N, C-alpha and C. Protein backbone atom coordinates (compact mmCIF):
# COMPACT_ATOMS: atom_id res chain seq x y z
N SER A 1 -9.29 4.95 13.75
CA SER A 1 -8.94 3.91 14.81
C SER A 1 -7.83 4.55 15.17
N ALA A 2 -8.52 4.10 16.19
CA ALA A 2 -7.15 4.78 17.76
C ALA A 2 -6.21 4.56 17.14
N GLN A 3 -5.44 3.16 16.28
CA GLN A 3 -4.95 2.97 16.19
C GLN A 3 -3.43 3.82 15.10
N LEU A 4 -4.34 4.15 14.40
CA LEU A 4 -3.90 5.09 13.50
C LEU A 4 -4.08 6.54 13.84
N SER A 5 -4.59 6.85 14.85
CA SER A 5 -4.11 8.30 15.15
C SER A 5 -3.16 8.35 16.29
N GLU A 6 -2.95 6.96 16.34
CA GLU A 6 -1.19 6.97 17.37
C GLU A 6 -0.54 6.48 16.76
N ARG A 7 -0.88 6.93 14.93
CA ARG A 7 0.14 6.26 13.95
C ARG A 7 1.55 4.64 14.47
N ASP A 8 0.23 3.82 15.18
CA ASP A 8 0.09 2.32 15.21
C ASP A 8 -0.58 1.47 14.09
N PHE A 9 1.09 1.51 13.43
CA PHE A 9 0.91 0.52 12.26
C PHE A 9 1.52 -0.75 12.63
N SER A 10 0.77 -1.46 12.83
CA SER A 10 1.35 -2.85 14.09
C SER A 10 0.00 -2.98 12.68
N ALA A 11 0.95 -4.63 12.36
CA ALA A 11 0.16 -5.89 10.90
C ALA A 11 -1.11 -6.01 11.60
N THR A 12 -2.14 -6.04 11.13
CA THR A 12 -2.72 -6.98 11.16
C THR A 12 -3.20 -7.85 9.76
N PHE A 13 -2.84 -7.02 8.48
CA PHE A 13 -2.55 -7.67 6.86
C PHE A 13 -1.09 -6.61 6.65
N THR A 14 -0.27 -7.25 6.13
CA THR A 14 1.34 -6.65 5.73
C THR A 14 1.09 -5.97 4.73
N VAL A 15 1.62 -4.98 4.20
CA VAL A 15 2.11 -4.21 2.59
C VAL A 15 2.26 -5.78 1.73
N ASN A 16 3.47 -6.38 2.82
CA ASN A 16 3.59 -7.57 1.34
C ASN A 16 2.12 -8.15 1.04
N GLN A 17 1.38 -8.40 2.02
CA GLN A 17 -0.05 -9.30 2.04
C GLN A 17 -0.83 -8.26 0.88
N MET A 18 -1.12 -7.30 1.23
CA MET A 18 -1.64 -6.58 0.36
C MET A 18 -0.92 -6.31 -1.19
N ILE A 19 0.53 -6.21 -1.24
CA ILE A 19 0.80 -6.73 -2.71
C ILE A 19 0.00 -7.48 -3.76
N LYS A 20 0.64 -9.04 -2.59
CA LYS A 20 -0.01 -10.22 -3.35
C LYS A 20 -1.40 -9.88 -3.87
N ASP A 21 -2.11 -9.45 -3.43
CA ASP A 21 -3.40 -9.44 -3.14
C ASP A 21 -3.57 -7.95 -4.36
N LEU A 22 -3.44 -7.65 -5.02
CA LEU A 22 -3.21 -6.61 -5.78
C LEU A 22 -2.55 -6.66 -6.91
N ASP A 23 -1.48 -7.43 -6.78
CA ASP A 23 -0.97 -7.91 -8.14
C ASP A 23 -2.01 -9.15 -8.78
N LEU A 24 -2.72 -10.05 -8.31
CA LEU A 24 -3.86 -10.51 -8.15
C LEU A 24 -5.21 -10.13 -9.02
N ILE A 25 -5.76 -9.05 -8.17
CA ILE A 25 -6.28 -8.07 -8.99
C ILE A 25 -5.99 -7.42 -10.81
N LEU A 26 -4.79 -6.70 -10.27
CA LEU A 26 -4.30 -6.47 -11.73
C LEU A 26 -4.00 -7.12 -12.60
N GLY A 27 -3.25 -8.44 -12.03
CA GLY A 27 -3.84 -9.79 -13.39
C GLY A 27 -4.75 -9.84 -13.91
N ALA A 28 -5.63 -9.92 -13.57
CA ALA A 28 -7.09 -10.02 -13.44
C ALA A 28 -7.97 -9.47 -14.53
N GLY A 29 -7.52 -7.96 -13.89
CA GLY A 29 -7.56 -6.77 -14.90
C GLY A 29 -7.51 -6.50 -16.21
N SER A 30 -6.03 -6.75 -16.36
CA SER A 30 -4.92 -7.21 -17.51
C SER A 30 -6.20 -8.79 -18.42
N GLU A 31 -5.97 -9.62 -17.61
CA GLU A 31 -6.65 -10.65 -18.87
C GLU A 31 -8.38 -10.09 -18.81
N HIS A 32 -8.19 -9.49 -18.82
CA HIS A 32 -10.05 -9.24 -19.28
C HIS A 32 -10.00 -8.39 -19.93
N GLN A 33 -9.08 -7.10 -19.71
CA GLN A 33 -9.06 -5.76 -20.56
C GLN A 33 -10.11 -5.02 -20.13
N VAL A 34 -9.44 -5.00 -18.85
CA VAL A 34 -10.27 -3.52 -17.49
C VAL A 34 -9.25 -2.84 -16.38
N PRO A 35 -9.05 -1.50 -17.16
CA PRO A 35 -7.91 -0.39 -16.62
C PRO A 35 -9.11 -0.65 -15.26
N LEU A 36 -7.34 -0.01 -14.76
CA LEU A 36 -7.57 -0.02 -13.07
C LEU A 36 -6.28 1.00 -12.72
N PRO A 37 -6.95 2.22 -13.05
CA PRO A 37 -5.70 3.07 -12.92
C PRO A 37 -5.01 3.25 -10.97
N GLN A 38 -6.75 3.59 -10.38
CA GLN A 38 -6.47 3.53 -9.32
C GLN A 38 -5.67 2.64 -8.36
N THR A 39 -6.16 0.94 -8.95
CA THR A 39 -5.53 0.49 -8.24
C THR A 39 -3.78 0.10 -8.36
N ALA A 40 -3.74 0.32 -10.15
CA ALA A 40 -2.14 0.45 -10.45
C ALA A 40 -1.89 1.52 -9.06
N LEU A 41 -1.83 3.29 -8.82
CA LEU A 41 -1.72 3.75 -8.82
C LEU A 41 -1.40 3.06 -6.84
N THR A 42 -2.41 2.27 -6.39
CA THR A 42 -2.31 1.87 -5.75
C THR A 42 -0.95 1.06 -4.86
N ARG A 43 -0.89 0.40 -6.11
CA ARG A 43 0.07 -0.91 -5.98
C ARG A 43 1.58 -0.31 -6.39
N GLN A 44 1.59 0.96 -6.80
CA GLN A 44 2.87 2.25 -6.36
C GLN A 44 3.52 2.24 -5.17
N LEU A 45 2.29 3.04 -4.30
CA LEU A 45 2.21 3.47 -2.95
C LEU A 45 3.03 2.35 -2.08
N MET A 46 2.22 1.00 -2.49
CA MET A 46 2.57 -0.14 -1.54
C MET A 46 4.00 -0.57 -1.59
N ASP A 47 4.46 -0.36 -3.01
CA ASP A 47 5.99 -0.66 -3.38
C ASP A 47 6.62 0.46 -2.05
N ALA A 48 6.51 2.03 -2.23
CA ALA A 48 6.82 2.50 -1.62
C ALA A 48 7.14 2.87 -0.53
N ALA A 49 6.06 2.34 -0.23
CA ALA A 49 6.18 1.88 1.65
C ALA A 49 7.16 0.73 1.76
N ARG A 50 7.56 -0.84 0.80
CA ARG A 50 7.95 -1.35 0.88
C ARG A 50 9.98 -0.92 0.53
N ALA A 51 9.87 -0.12 0.76
CA ALA A 51 10.99 -0.12 0.19
C ALA A 51 11.53 0.64 1.12
N HIS A 52 10.83 1.99 1.29
CA HIS A 52 10.79 2.49 3.09
C HIS A 52 11.40 1.81 4.30
N GLY A 53 11.50 -0.07 4.02
CA GLY A 53 11.24 -0.29 4.65
C GLY A 53 9.89 -0.73 5.97
N ASP A 54 8.83 -0.78 5.41
CA ASP A 54 7.50 -0.47 6.05
C ASP A 54 7.12 -1.82 5.20
N ALA A 55 7.64 -3.08 4.68
CA ALA A 55 7.09 -4.78 4.17
C ALA A 55 6.30 -4.91 4.87
N GLU A 56 6.56 -5.37 6.18
CA GLU A 56 5.41 -6.08 7.25
C GLU A 56 5.21 -5.80 8.33
N ALA A 57 4.53 -3.88 8.03
CA ALA A 57 3.91 -3.08 9.02
C ALA A 57 2.68 -3.02 8.38
N ASP A 58 1.63 -2.56 8.89
CA ASP A 58 -0.39 -2.80 8.37
C ASP A 58 0.15 -2.16 6.84
N TYR A 59 -1.24 -2.72 6.21
CA TYR A 59 -0.84 -1.98 4.79
C TYR A 59 -1.05 -0.53 4.53
N ALA A 60 -2.13 0.00 6.19
CA ALA A 60 -2.36 1.21 6.12
C ALA A 60 -0.91 2.31 6.01
N ALA A 61 0.49 1.49 6.55
CA ALA A 61 1.49 1.95 5.77
C ALA A 61 1.58 3.51 4.43
N ILE A 62 0.91 3.00 3.88
CA ILE A 62 0.74 3.89 2.80
C ILE A 62 0.39 5.52 2.72
N ILE A 63 -0.20 5.24 4.11
CA ILE A 63 -0.14 6.64 4.53
C ILE A 63 1.21 6.97 4.45
N LYS A 64 2.22 6.79 5.35
CA LYS A 64 3.26 6.94 5.47
C LYS A 64 4.33 7.33 4.00
N ALA A 65 3.37 6.18 3.20
CA ALA A 65 4.29 6.33 1.77
C ALA A 65 3.64 7.92 0.77
N THR A 66 2.51 8.08 1.15
CA THR A 66 1.96 9.17 0.87
C THR A 66 2.26 10.71 1.08
N GLU A 67 2.44 10.40 2.58
CA GLU A 67 3.32 11.86 3.25
C GLU A 67 4.20 11.66 2.78
N ARG A 68 5.26 11.21 2.61
CA ARG A 68 6.96 11.41 1.65
C ARG A 68 6.46 11.90 0.63
N SER A 69 5.57 11.08 -0.30
CA SER A 69 5.62 12.09 -1.70
C SER A 69 4.82 13.04 -1.28
N ALA A 70 4.22 13.96 -0.38
CA ALA A 70 4.00 14.70 -0.10
C ALA A 70 5.10 16.15 0.34
N GLY A 71 5.84 15.46 1.28
CA GLY A 71 7.44 16.34 1.79
C GLY A 71 6.99 16.68 2.56
N LEU A 72 5.67 15.76 3.43
CA LEU A 72 6.10 15.33 4.69
C LEU A 72 6.84 15.29 5.69
N SER A 73 7.43 15.00 6.48
CA SER A 73 8.00 13.71 7.11
C SER A 73 6.95 13.55 8.25
N THR A 74 6.95 12.06 8.50
CA THR A 74 6.50 11.28 9.00
C THR A 74 6.97 10.63 10.72
């Protein structure tokens, strides 16, 4: 997408909205005893994005969270 290539993280679906959905998914998985390790990792990366001030940015801000965890400048 042109937006991401230009590092435009204008919200179409925010980090906070994604966290809400991820919590619903993880809750359903837990209720049915289904492990969802990648979903749990994504939830943690969304927490990292929120902790760095990206709660209202587009959920693609997970890219910046991943870059930070790799020691890259964002």
